[in-house]
Amino acid sequence: MIGDTLPELLPFASLGYFCLLSLLLFARGMDFLSTWVATPNLVLEGNPLARKLGWKWGALANLALCFICAFWPLTAIIVSTSGLLVAAHNFHAAWLMRTMGEAAYRDWFLERVARTPLSLYFACLCGETFLTALPGAALIWFGDSGGIPFAIGIGIVGYAGIILFYTSLSLWRLRRQEDKKEPCIIRDNLNS
């Protein structure tokens, strides 16, 4: 099963299927764990669908995703790569989010962003995602279109896209919520 080119489809209950299923379950499990450590109430979750599904329905949807994707090795490796990188990204600041609390972290983050030129914030976000995507693009460019390096490259580029999209979406959502807050003399005096 492990070679330069991956088979297009694996039979159910084959060794390759179970290996990929295990990889997918681990990757998606790490994404779930890292999200739970960072935001147990999903207040800081950037994906609106995941926030809407919640933990129970999200777990069922991810379990189904794992069982389905394990049939296609290329897809399984792409999803696993992206999931593991998202989990690593979540763990990076999860300790801070957990110790501060979700609402306090959100408010602190919004205050930091409010004091930062939006163009600087987005330039840094684009720099992070572009530099992350470059090794993935190299793997795609130089790898065989059905091989493991190619799939990992797509996973890396996909991860960079996920971070750019959902970070931008979260920032927009949080800033919109902040703009809708009613005036509060105490809060406004504390923030000035």
N, C-alpha and C. Protein backbone atom coordinates (compact mmCIF):
# COMPACT_ATOMS: atom_id res chain seq x y z
N MET A 1 0.80 -1.19 0.00
CA MET A 1 0.00 0.00 0.00
C MET A 1 0.85 1.26 0.00
N ILE A 2 1.91 1.30 0.81
CA ILE A 2 2.76 2.48 0.86
C ILE A 2 3.78 2.38 -0.25
N GLY A 3 3.65 3.22 -1.20
CA GLY A 3 4.57 3.26 -2.33
C GLY A 3 4.58 4.66 -2.89
N ASP A 4 5.08 4.78 -4.11
CA ASP A 4 5.14 6.10 -4.72
C ASP A 4 3.76 6.58 -5.16
N THR A 5 2.93 5.65 -5.64
CA THR A 5 1.60 6.02 -6.09
C THR A 5 0.57 5.29 -5.25
N LEU A 6 -0.44 6.01 -4.86
CA LEU A 6 -1.49 5.44 -4.01
C LEU A 6 -2.59 4.84 -4.86
N PRO A 7 -3.21 3.75 -4.38
CA PRO A 7 -4.37 3.23 -5.10
C PRO A 7 -5.51 4.24 -5.02
N GLU A 8 -6.39 4.21 -6.02
CA GLU A 8 -7.49 5.17 -6.03
C GLU A 8 -8.53 4.87 -4.96
N LEU A 9 -8.78 3.59 -4.70
CA LEU A 9 -9.83 3.21 -3.77
C LEU A 9 -9.39 1.96 -3.01
N LEU A 10 -9.64 1.95 -1.71
CA LEU A 10 -9.30 0.79 -0.89
C LEU A 10 -10.58 0.05 -0.52
N PRO A 11 -10.51 -1.28 -0.50
CA PRO A 11 -11.70 -2.03 -0.06
C PRO A 11 -11.92 -1.88 1.44
N PHE A 12 -13.19 -1.88 1.83
CA PHE A 12 -13.55 -1.78 3.24
C PHE A 12 -12.93 -2.94 3.99
N ALA A 13 -12.46 -2.69 5.19
CA ALA A 13 -11.89 -3.68 6.11
C ALA A 13 -10.54 -4.22 5.66
N SER A 14 -9.92 -3.60 4.66
CA SER A 14 -8.57 -4.01 4.27
C SER A 14 -7.57 -3.37 5.24
N LEU A 15 -6.35 -3.87 5.24
CA LEU A 15 -5.30 -3.33 6.11
C LEU A 15 -5.07 -1.84 5.81
N GLY A 16 -5.01 -1.50 4.52
CA GLY A 16 -4.81 -0.10 4.12
C GLY A 16 -5.94 0.79 4.60
N TYR A 17 -7.18 0.29 4.50
CA TYR A 17 -8.34 1.06 4.96
C TYR A 17 -8.22 1.34 6.46
N PHE A 18 -7.89 0.32 7.25
CA PHE A 18 -7.79 0.51 8.69
C PHE A 18 -6.63 1.41 9.08
N CYS A 19 -5.53 1.33 8.33
CA CYS A 19 -4.40 2.24 8.60
C CYS A 19 -4.81 3.69 8.37
N LEU A 20 -5.48 3.93 7.24
CA LEU A 20 -5.91 5.29 6.94
C LEU A 20 -7.02 5.75 7.89
N LEU A 21 -7.90 4.84 8.26
CA LEU A 21 -8.95 5.18 9.22
C LEU A 21 -8.32 5.58 10.56
N SER A 22 -7.31 4.84 10.98
CA SER A 22 -6.61 5.17 12.23
C SER A 22 -5.95 6.53 12.14
N LEU A 23 -5.30 6.80 11.02
CA LEU A 23 -4.66 8.11 10.82
C LEU A 23 -5.70 9.23 10.86
N LEU A 24 -6.81 9.04 10.17
CA LEU A 24 -7.88 10.04 10.16
C LEU A 24 -8.47 10.26 11.55
N LEU A 25 -8.74 9.18 12.27
CA LEU A 25 -9.30 9.30 13.61
C LEU A 25 -8.34 10.04 14.55
N PHE A 26 -7.05 9.75 14.41
CA PHE A 26 -6.06 10.44 15.23
C PHE A 26 -6.02 11.93 14.87
N ALA A 27 -5.96 12.24 13.57
CA ALA A 27 -5.86 13.64 13.14
C ALA A 27 -7.09 14.43 13.53
N ARG A 28 -8.27 13.89 13.26
CA ARG A 28 -9.50 14.59 13.62
C ARG A 28 -9.65 14.67 15.14
N GLY A 29 -9.21 13.61 15.84
CA GLY A 29 -9.25 13.62 17.30
C GLY A 29 -8.36 14.70 17.89
N MET A 30 -7.19 14.90 17.30
CA MET A 30 -6.29 15.96 17.77
C MET A 30 -6.89 17.34 17.50
N ASP A 31 -7.56 17.49 16.37
CA ASP A 31 -8.23 18.76 16.09
C ASP A 31 -9.32 19.01 17.12
N PHE A 32 -10.10 17.97 17.45
CA PHE A 32 -11.14 18.10 18.47
C PHE A 32 -10.53 18.43 19.83
N LEU A 33 -9.49 17.69 20.22
CA LEU A 33 -8.86 17.92 21.52
C LEU A 33 -8.30 19.33 21.63
N SER A 34 -7.59 19.77 20.60
CA SER A 34 -6.99 21.10 20.64
C SER A 34 -8.06 22.19 20.68
N THR A 35 -9.17 21.96 19.99
CA THR A 35 -10.27 22.92 20.04
C THR A 35 -10.89 22.94 21.43
N TRP A 36 -11.09 21.78 22.02
CA TRP A 36 -11.68 21.70 23.36
C TRP A 36 -10.79 22.37 24.40
N VAL A 37 -9.47 22.18 24.30
CA VAL A 37 -8.55 22.83 25.24
C VAL A 37 -8.65 24.35 25.08
N ALA A 38 -8.72 24.82 23.84
CA ALA A 38 -8.73 26.26 23.59
C ALA A 38 -10.07 26.91 23.90
N THR A 39 -11.15 26.27 23.50
CA THR A 39 -12.46 26.90 23.60
C THR A 39 -13.54 25.87 23.88
N PRO A 40 -13.65 25.42 25.14
CA PRO A 40 -14.59 24.35 25.47
C PRO A 40 -16.06 24.70 25.18
N ASN A 41 -16.40 25.96 25.16
CA ASN A 41 -17.77 26.38 24.85
C ASN A 41 -17.91 26.83 23.39
N LEU A 42 -16.86 26.65 22.62
CA LEU A 42 -16.81 26.99 21.19
C LEU A 42 -17.02 28.48 20.92
N VAL A 43 -16.79 29.31 21.92
CA VAL A 43 -16.93 30.76 21.76
C VAL A 43 -15.90 31.27 20.74
N LEU A 44 -14.70 30.70 20.75
CA LEU A 44 -13.62 31.16 19.87
C LEU A 44 -13.48 30.32 18.61
N GLU A 45 -14.36 29.37 18.40
CA GLU A 45 -14.31 28.51 17.20
C GLU A 45 -14.54 29.37 15.97
N GLY A 46 -13.61 29.29 15.02
CA GLY A 46 -13.70 30.10 13.81
C GLY A 46 -14.63 29.54 12.76
N ASN A 47 -14.88 28.24 12.80
CA ASN A 47 -15.73 27.60 11.80
C ASN A 47 -17.19 27.67 12.26
N PRO A 48 -18.02 28.45 11.58
CA PRO A 48 -19.41 28.59 12.03
C PRO A 48 -20.19 27.28 11.99
N LEU A 49 -19.88 26.40 11.05
CA LEU A 49 -20.56 25.11 10.99
C LEU A 49 -20.22 24.26 12.21
N ALA A 50 -18.95 24.24 12.59
CA ALA A 50 -18.53 23.48 13.78
C ALA A 50 -19.18 24.06 15.03
N ARG A 51 -19.26 25.37 15.10
CA ARG A 51 -19.90 26.02 16.25
C ARG A 51 -21.38 25.66 16.31
N LYS A 52 -22.03 25.64 15.15
CA LYS A 52 -23.47 25.33 15.10
C LYS A 52 -23.72 23.86 15.44
N LEU A 53 -22.87 22.95 14.95
CA LEU A 53 -23.05 21.52 15.24
C LEU A 53 -22.81 21.21 16.71
N GLY A 54 -21.87 21.91 17.32
CA GLY A 54 -21.52 21.63 18.71
C GLY A 54 -20.68 20.37 18.80
N TRP A 55 -20.40 19.96 20.03
CA TRP A 55 -19.49 18.84 20.25
C TRP A 55 -20.09 17.50 19.80
N LYS A 56 -21.33 17.23 20.19
CA LYS A 56 -21.92 15.91 19.91
C LYS A 56 -22.12 15.69 18.41
N TRP A 57 -22.81 16.62 17.74
CA TRP A 57 -23.05 16.45 16.31
C TRP A 57 -21.76 16.62 15.50
N GLY A 58 -20.87 17.46 15.98
CA GLY A 58 -19.57 17.61 15.31
C GLY A 58 -18.76 16.33 15.37
N ALA A 59 -18.81 15.65 16.52
CA ALA A 59 -18.09 14.37 16.65
C ALA A 59 -18.67 13.33 15.71
N LEU A 60 -19.98 13.27 15.62
CA LEU A 60 -20.61 12.30 14.71
C LEU A 60 -20.29 12.61 13.25
N ALA A 61 -20.32 13.88 12.89
CA ALA A 61 -19.99 14.27 11.52
C ALA A 61 -18.54 13.93 11.20
N ASN A 62 -17.63 14.17 12.13
CA ASN A 62 -16.22 13.86 11.91
C ASN A 62 -15.97 12.36 11.86
N LEU A 63 -16.69 11.61 12.66
CA LEU A 63 -16.57 10.15 12.62
C LEU A 63 -17.01 9.62 11.25
N ALA A 64 -18.13 10.12 10.75
CA ALA A 64 -18.60 9.73 9.43
C ALA A 64 -17.58 10.13 8.36
N LEU A 65 -17.04 11.34 8.48
CA LEU A 65 -16.02 11.81 7.54
C LEU A 65 -14.82 10.86 7.51
N CYS A 66 -14.38 10.43 8.69
CA CYS A 66 -13.24 9.52 8.77
C CYS A 66 -13.53 8.19 8.08
N PHE A 67 -14.69 7.60 8.36
CA PHE A 67 -15.03 6.31 7.77
C PHE A 67 -15.17 6.41 6.25
N ILE A 68 -15.66 7.54 5.76
CA ILE A 68 -15.82 7.72 4.32
C ILE A 68 -14.49 8.02 3.64
N CYS A 69 -13.72 8.94 4.20
CA CYS A 69 -12.44 9.34 3.57
C CYS A 69 -11.40 8.23 3.56
N ALA A 70 -11.51 7.27 4.48
CA ALA A 70 -10.52 6.19 4.55
C ALA A 70 -10.54 5.30 3.30
N PHE A 71 -11.60 5.36 2.51
CA PHE A 71 -11.65 4.60 1.26
C PHE A 71 -10.68 5.15 0.21
N TRP A 72 -10.43 6.46 0.25
CA TRP A 72 -9.60 7.11 -0.76
C TRP A 72 -8.30 7.59 -0.11
N PRO A 73 -7.20 6.90 -0.38
CA PRO A 73 -5.92 7.24 0.27
C PRO A 73 -5.49 8.69 0.08
N LEU A 74 -5.62 9.21 -1.13
CA LEU A 74 -5.20 10.59 -1.38
C LEU A 74 -6.01 11.56 -0.52
N THR A 75 -7.30 11.37 -0.51
CA THR A 75 -8.18 12.22 0.31
C THR A 75 -7.87 12.07 1.79
N ALA A 76 -7.65 10.84 2.23
CA ALA A 76 -7.36 10.59 3.65
C ALA A 76 -6.08 11.30 4.09
N ILE A 77 -5.07 11.28 3.25
CA ILE A 77 -3.80 11.93 3.60
C ILE A 77 -3.96 13.45 3.59
N ILE A 78 -4.72 13.98 2.64
CA ILE A 78 -4.97 15.43 2.60
C ILE A 78 -5.71 15.88 3.85
N VAL A 79 -6.79 15.19 4.20
CA VAL A 79 -7.59 15.55 5.37
C VAL A 79 -6.78 15.39 6.65
N SER A 80 -5.99 14.33 6.76
CA SER A 80 -5.17 14.10 7.95
C SER A 80 -4.09 15.18 8.09
N THR A 81 -3.44 15.51 7.00
CA THR A 81 -2.39 16.54 7.05
C THR A 81 -2.98 17.87 7.50
N SER A 82 -4.07 18.28 6.88
CA SER A 82 -4.70 19.55 7.25
C SER A 82 -5.16 19.52 8.71
N GLY A 83 -5.78 18.41 9.11
CA GLY A 83 -6.27 18.29 10.49
C GLY A 83 -5.17 18.37 11.53
N LEU A 84 -4.06 17.70 11.26
CA LEU A 84 -2.94 17.74 12.22
C LEU A 84 -2.33 19.13 12.31
N LEU A 85 -2.22 19.81 11.17
CA LEU A 85 -1.67 21.16 11.19
C LEU A 85 -2.61 22.14 11.88
N VAL A 86 -3.92 21.98 11.69
CA VAL A 86 -4.89 22.83 12.39
C VAL A 86 -4.79 22.57 13.90
N ALA A 87 -4.66 21.30 14.29
CA ALA A 87 -4.54 20.98 15.72
C ALA A 87 -3.28 21.62 16.30
N ALA A 88 -2.18 21.53 15.58
CA ALA A 88 -0.94 22.16 16.06
C ALA A 88 -1.12 23.67 16.20
N HIS A 89 -1.79 24.28 15.24
CA HIS A 89 -2.06 25.72 15.29
C HIS A 89 -2.94 26.05 16.50
N ASN A 90 -3.95 25.23 16.77
CA ASN A 90 -4.82 25.46 17.92
C ASN A 90 -4.04 25.35 19.23
N PHE A 91 -3.20 24.34 19.34
CA PHE A 91 -2.44 24.13 20.57
C PHE A 91 -1.48 25.28 20.85
N HIS A 92 -1.07 26.00 19.82
CA HIS A 92 -0.10 27.08 19.98
C HIS A 92 -0.55 28.10 21.02
N ALA A 93 -1.80 28.49 20.99
CA ALA A 93 -2.29 29.50 21.95
C ALA A 93 -3.39 28.95 22.85
N ALA A 94 -3.65 27.66 22.81
CA ALA A 94 -4.75 27.08 23.60
C ALA A 94 -4.54 27.31 25.09
N TRP A 95 -3.32 27.23 25.55
CA TRP A 95 -3.04 27.43 26.97
C TRP A 95 -3.46 28.82 27.41
N LEU A 96 -3.22 29.81 26.56
CA LEU A 96 -3.57 31.19 26.88
C LEU A 96 -5.09 31.38 26.87
N MET A 97 -5.74 30.80 25.87
CA MET A 97 -7.20 30.90 25.78
C MET A 97 -7.86 30.24 26.99
N ARG A 98 -7.35 29.08 27.38
CA ARG A 98 -7.95 28.33 28.49
C ARG A 98 -7.72 29.04 29.81
N THR A 99 -6.51 29.54 30.04
CA THR A 99 -6.24 30.17 31.34
C THR A 99 -6.91 31.54 31.48
N MET A 100 -7.04 32.28 30.38
CA MET A 100 -7.71 33.58 30.43
C MET A 100 -9.22 33.43 30.46
N GLY A 101 -9.72 32.37 29.86
CA GLY A 101 -11.16 32.21 29.66
C GLY A 101 -11.52 32.70 28.27
N GLU A 102 -12.53 32.08 27.71
CA GLU A 102 -12.87 32.39 26.32
C GLU A 102 -13.27 33.86 26.11
N ALA A 103 -14.14 34.38 26.95
CA ALA A 103 -14.60 35.76 26.78
C ALA A 103 -13.47 36.75 27.03
N ALA A 104 -12.67 36.51 28.07
CA ALA A 104 -11.56 37.41 28.37
C ALA A 104 -10.52 37.39 27.25
N TYR A 105 -10.24 36.19 26.72
CA TYR A 105 -9.29 36.10 25.61
C TYR A 105 -9.83 36.84 24.39
N ARG A 106 -11.11 36.64 24.07
CA ARG A 106 -11.73 37.32 22.93
C ARG A 106 -11.62 38.83 23.09
N ASP A 107 -11.94 39.33 24.28
CA ASP A 107 -11.88 40.77 24.52
C ASP A 107 -10.44 41.28 24.42
N TRP A 108 -9.51 40.53 25.01
CA TRP A 108 -8.09 40.91 24.94
C TRP A 108 -7.62 40.94 23.49
N PHE A 109 -7.99 39.92 22.73
CA PHE A 109 -7.59 39.84 21.33
C PHE A 109 -8.18 41.00 20.53
N LEU A 110 -9.45 41.27 20.76
CA LEU A 110 -10.08 42.39 20.05
C LEU A 110 -9.42 43.72 20.40
N GLU A 111 -9.04 43.88 21.65
CA GLU A 111 -8.34 45.11 22.05
C GLU A 111 -7.00 45.23 21.33
N ARG A 112 -6.28 44.11 21.22
CA ARG A 112 -4.99 44.13 20.52
C ARG A 112 -5.20 44.47 19.04
N VAL A 113 -6.20 43.85 18.43
CA VAL A 113 -6.47 44.09 17.02
C VAL A 113 -6.92 45.53 16.81
N ALA A 114 -7.72 46.05 17.73
CA ALA A 114 -8.20 47.43 17.61
C ALA A 114 -7.04 48.42 17.64
N ARG A 115 -5.96 48.08 18.32
CA ARG A 115 -4.79 48.97 18.42
C ARG A 115 -3.77 48.72 17.31
N THR A 116 -4.10 47.80 16.43
CA THR A 116 -3.19 47.44 15.33
C THR A 116 -3.82 47.87 14.02
N PRO A 117 -3.05 48.49 13.15
CA PRO A 117 -3.61 48.79 11.83
C PRO A 117 -4.06 47.49 11.15
N LEU A 118 -5.28 47.49 10.64
CA LEU A 118 -5.82 46.28 10.02
C LEU A 118 -4.94 45.80 8.88
N SER A 119 -4.35 46.73 8.15
CA SER A 119 -3.46 46.34 7.05
C SER A 119 -2.24 45.57 7.56
N LEU A 120 -1.70 45.96 8.71
CA LEU A 120 -0.57 45.24 9.30
C LEU A 120 -1.00 43.84 9.73
N TYR A 121 -2.16 43.75 10.37
CA TYR A 121 -2.65 42.44 10.82
C TYR A 121 -2.82 41.50 9.62
N PHE A 122 -3.47 41.97 8.56
CA PHE A 122 -3.70 41.11 7.40
C PHE A 122 -2.42 40.83 6.64
N ALA A 123 -1.49 41.76 6.62
CA ALA A 123 -0.20 41.50 5.97
C ALA A 123 0.53 40.37 6.70
N CYS A 124 0.49 40.39 8.03
CA CYS A 124 1.13 39.33 8.81
C CYS A 124 0.40 38.00 8.64
N LEU A 125 -0.93 38.03 8.62
CA LEU A 125 -1.70 36.81 8.40
C LEU A 125 -1.41 36.22 7.01
N CYS A 126 -1.38 37.07 6.01
CA CYS A 126 -1.07 36.60 4.66
C CYS A 126 0.36 36.09 4.57
N GLY A 127 1.29 36.76 5.26
CA GLY A 127 2.67 36.26 5.29
C GLY A 127 2.76 34.89 5.91
N GLU A 128 2.06 34.70 7.05
CA GLU A 128 2.06 33.39 7.71
C GLU A 128 1.50 32.31 6.79
N THR A 129 0.36 32.58 6.18
CA THR A 129 -0.28 31.55 5.36
C THR A 129 0.49 31.31 4.06
N PHE A 130 1.02 32.36 3.46
CA PHE A 130 1.78 32.20 2.23
C PHE A 130 3.06 31.38 2.48
N LEU A 131 3.77 31.73 3.55
CA LEU A 131 5.01 31.00 3.84
C LEU A 131 4.73 29.55 4.25
N THR A 132 3.58 29.31 4.87
CA THR A 132 3.19 27.94 5.21
C THR A 132 2.84 27.17 3.94
N ALA A 133 2.16 27.82 3.01
CA ALA A 133 1.73 27.16 1.78
C ALA A 133 2.88 26.85 0.83
N LEU A 134 3.98 27.61 0.90
CA LEU A 134 5.08 27.41 -0.04
C LEU A 134 5.66 25.99 -0.05
N PRO A 135 5.99 25.40 1.10
CA PRO A 135 6.49 24.01 1.04
C PRO A 135 5.44 23.05 0.48
N GLY A 136 4.17 23.29 0.80
CA GLY A 136 3.11 22.46 0.24
C GLY A 136 3.05 22.59 -1.27
N ALA A 137 3.17 23.82 -1.75
CA ALA A 137 3.16 24.05 -3.19
C ALA A 137 4.34 23.36 -3.87
N ALA A 138 5.50 23.36 -3.20
CA ALA A 138 6.67 22.67 -3.76
C ALA A 138 6.42 21.16 -3.84
N LEU A 139 5.80 20.60 -2.81
CA LEU A 139 5.48 19.17 -2.84
C LEU A 139 4.48 18.84 -3.96
N ILE A 140 3.53 19.73 -4.16
CA ILE A 140 2.56 19.53 -5.25
C ILE A 140 3.26 19.63 -6.60
N TRP A 141 4.09 20.64 -6.76
CA TRP A 141 4.75 20.91 -8.03
C TRP A 141 5.71 19.78 -8.43
N PHE A 142 6.49 19.30 -7.45
CA PHE A 142 7.51 18.32 -7.77
C PHE A 142 7.11 16.87 -7.49
N GLY A 143 5.96 16.66 -6.86
CA GLY A 143 5.52 15.31 -6.55
C GLY A 143 4.67 14.72 -7.66
N ASP A 144 4.60 13.40 -7.69
CA ASP A 144 3.71 12.72 -8.63
C ASP A 144 2.27 12.99 -8.21
N SER A 145 1.40 13.18 -9.18
CA SER A 145 0.03 13.61 -8.87
C SER A 145 -0.77 12.58 -8.08
N GLY A 146 -0.33 11.37 -7.95
CA GLY A 146 -1.05 10.38 -7.16
C GLY A 146 -0.28 9.92 -5.94
N GLY A 147 0.83 10.60 -5.64
CA GLY A 147 1.71 10.12 -4.58
C GLY A 147 1.47 10.77 -3.22
N ILE A 148 2.15 10.21 -2.24
CA ILE A 148 2.03 10.70 -0.86
C ILE A 148 2.54 12.13 -0.72
N PRO A 149 3.72 12.49 -1.28
CA PRO A 149 4.17 13.88 -1.15
C PRO A 149 3.17 14.87 -1.76
N PHE A 150 2.55 14.50 -2.86
CA PHE A 150 1.55 15.34 -3.51
C PHE A 150 0.36 15.56 -2.56
N ALA A 151 -0.12 14.50 -1.94
CA ALA A 151 -1.26 14.58 -1.02
C ALA A 151 -0.90 15.43 0.21
N ILE A 152 0.30 15.23 0.73
CA ILE A 152 0.73 16.04 1.87
C ILE A 152 0.81 17.52 1.47
N GLY A 153 1.32 17.78 0.26
CA GLY A 153 1.38 19.16 -0.24
C GLY A 153 0.01 19.80 -0.33
N ILE A 154 -0.96 19.07 -0.84
CA ILE A 154 -2.32 19.61 -0.90
C ILE A 154 -2.85 19.86 0.51
N GLY A 155 -2.54 18.96 1.44
CA GLY A 155 -2.96 19.15 2.83
C GLY A 155 -2.36 20.40 3.45
N ILE A 156 -1.09 20.66 3.16
CA ILE A 156 -0.42 21.85 3.69
C ILE A 156 -1.03 23.13 3.09
N VAL A 157 -1.21 23.13 1.78
CA VAL A 157 -1.82 24.29 1.13
C VAL A 157 -3.25 24.48 1.62
N GLY A 158 -3.97 23.37 1.79
CA GLY A 158 -5.33 23.44 2.32
C GLY A 158 -5.35 24.02 3.72
N TYR A 159 -4.41 23.61 4.55
CA TYR A 159 -4.29 24.16 5.90
C TYR A 159 -4.08 25.67 5.86
N ALA A 160 -3.17 26.11 5.00
CA ALA A 160 -2.90 27.55 4.89
C ALA A 160 -4.16 28.29 4.48
N GLY A 161 -4.91 27.73 3.56
CA GLY A 161 -6.17 28.34 3.14
C GLY A 161 -7.19 28.37 4.26
N ILE A 162 -7.25 27.29 5.04
CA ILE A 162 -8.17 27.21 6.18
C ILE A 162 -7.85 28.32 7.19
N ILE A 163 -6.57 28.47 7.50
CA ILE A 163 -6.16 29.48 8.48
C ILE A 163 -6.48 30.88 7.97
N LEU A 164 -6.17 31.15 6.72
CA LEU A 164 -6.45 32.47 6.16
C LEU A 164 -7.95 32.75 6.16
N PHE A 165 -8.74 31.80 5.70
CA PHE A 165 -10.19 32.01 5.59
C PHE A 165 -10.85 32.13 6.96
N TYR A 166 -10.62 31.16 7.84
CA TYR A 166 -11.33 31.17 9.12
C TYR A 166 -10.81 32.22 10.09
N THR A 167 -9.54 32.57 10.01
CA THR A 167 -9.05 33.67 10.85
C THR A 167 -9.66 34.99 10.39
N SER A 168 -9.73 35.18 9.09
CA SER A 168 -10.37 36.40 8.56
C SER A 168 -11.85 36.43 8.93
N LEU A 169 -12.52 35.30 8.79
CA LEU A 169 -13.95 35.22 9.12
C LEU A 169 -14.18 35.49 10.61
N SER A 170 -13.34 34.91 11.46
CA SER A 170 -13.48 35.12 12.90
C SER A 170 -13.23 36.58 13.27
N LEU A 171 -12.21 37.15 12.69
CA LEU A 171 -11.91 38.55 12.98
C LEU A 171 -13.08 39.43 12.56
N TRP A 172 -13.61 39.19 11.39
CA TRP A 172 -14.75 39.97 10.91
C TRP A 172 -15.95 39.80 11.84
N ARG A 173 -16.22 38.55 12.25
CA ARG A 173 -17.34 38.27 13.14
C ARG A 173 -17.15 38.94 14.50
N LEU A 174 -15.95 38.83 15.06
CA LEU A 174 -15.69 39.43 16.37
C LEU A 174 -15.75 40.95 16.31
N ARG A 175 -15.22 41.54 15.27
CA ARG A 175 -15.28 43.00 15.14
C ARG A 175 -16.72 43.46 14.95
N ARG A 176 -17.50 42.69 14.22
CA ARG A 176 -18.92 43.03 14.03
C ARG A 176 -19.68 42.96 15.35
N GLN A 177 -19.38 41.92 16.16
CA GLN A 177 -20.01 41.81 17.47
C GLN A 177 -19.61 42.98 18.36
N GLU A 178 -18.36 43.37 18.30
CA GLU A 178 -17.87 44.48 19.11
C GLU A 178 -18.56 45.78 18.71
N ASP A 179 -18.76 45.96 17.40
CA ASP A 179 -19.42 47.18 16.91
C ASP A 179 -20.88 47.25 17.34
N LYS A 180 -21.52 46.08 17.53
CA LYS A 180 -22.94 46.03 17.89
C LYS A 180 -23.18 46.21 19.39
N LYS A 181 -22.12 46.16 20.20
CA LYS A 181 -22.30 46.31 21.64
C LYS A 181 -22.90 47.66 21.96
N GLU A 182 -23.80 47.65 22.91
CA GLU A 182 -24.41 48.89 23.38
C GLU A 182 -23.35 49.72 24.10
N PRO A 183 -23.48 51.04 24.05
CA PRO A 183 -22.53 51.87 24.80
C PRO A 183 -22.60 51.56 26.29
N CYS A 184 -21.45 51.50 26.91
CA CYS A 184 -21.38 51.20 28.34
C CYS A 184 -20.33 52.14 28.94
N ILE A 185 -20.75 53.00 29.85
CA ILE A 185 -19.85 54.00 30.42
C ILE A 185 -18.67 53.34 31.12
N ILE A 186 -18.92 52.30 31.90
CA ILE A 186 -17.83 51.65 32.63
C ILE A 186 -16.84 51.01 31.67
N ARG A 187 -17.35 50.19 30.70
CA ARG A 187 -16.46 49.52 29.76
C ARG A 187 -15.72 50.54 28.91
N ASP A 188 -16.42 51.59 28.43
CA ASP A 188 -15.79 52.59 27.59
C ASP A 188 -14.69 53.33 28.34
N ASN A 189 -14.91 53.62 29.64
CA ASN A 189 -13.87 54.28 30.42
C ASN A 189 -12.69 53.37 30.69
N LEU A 190 -12.93 52.07 30.85
CA LEU A 190 -11.83 51.14 31.05
C LEU A 190 -10.99 50.99 29.79
N ASN A 191 -11.63 51.05 28.63
CA ASN A 191 -10.92 50.86 27.37
C ASN A 191 -10.18 52.11 26.92
N SER A 192 -10.46 53.28 27.52
CA SER A 192 -9.77 54.49 27.07
C SER A 192 -8.53 54.76 27.86
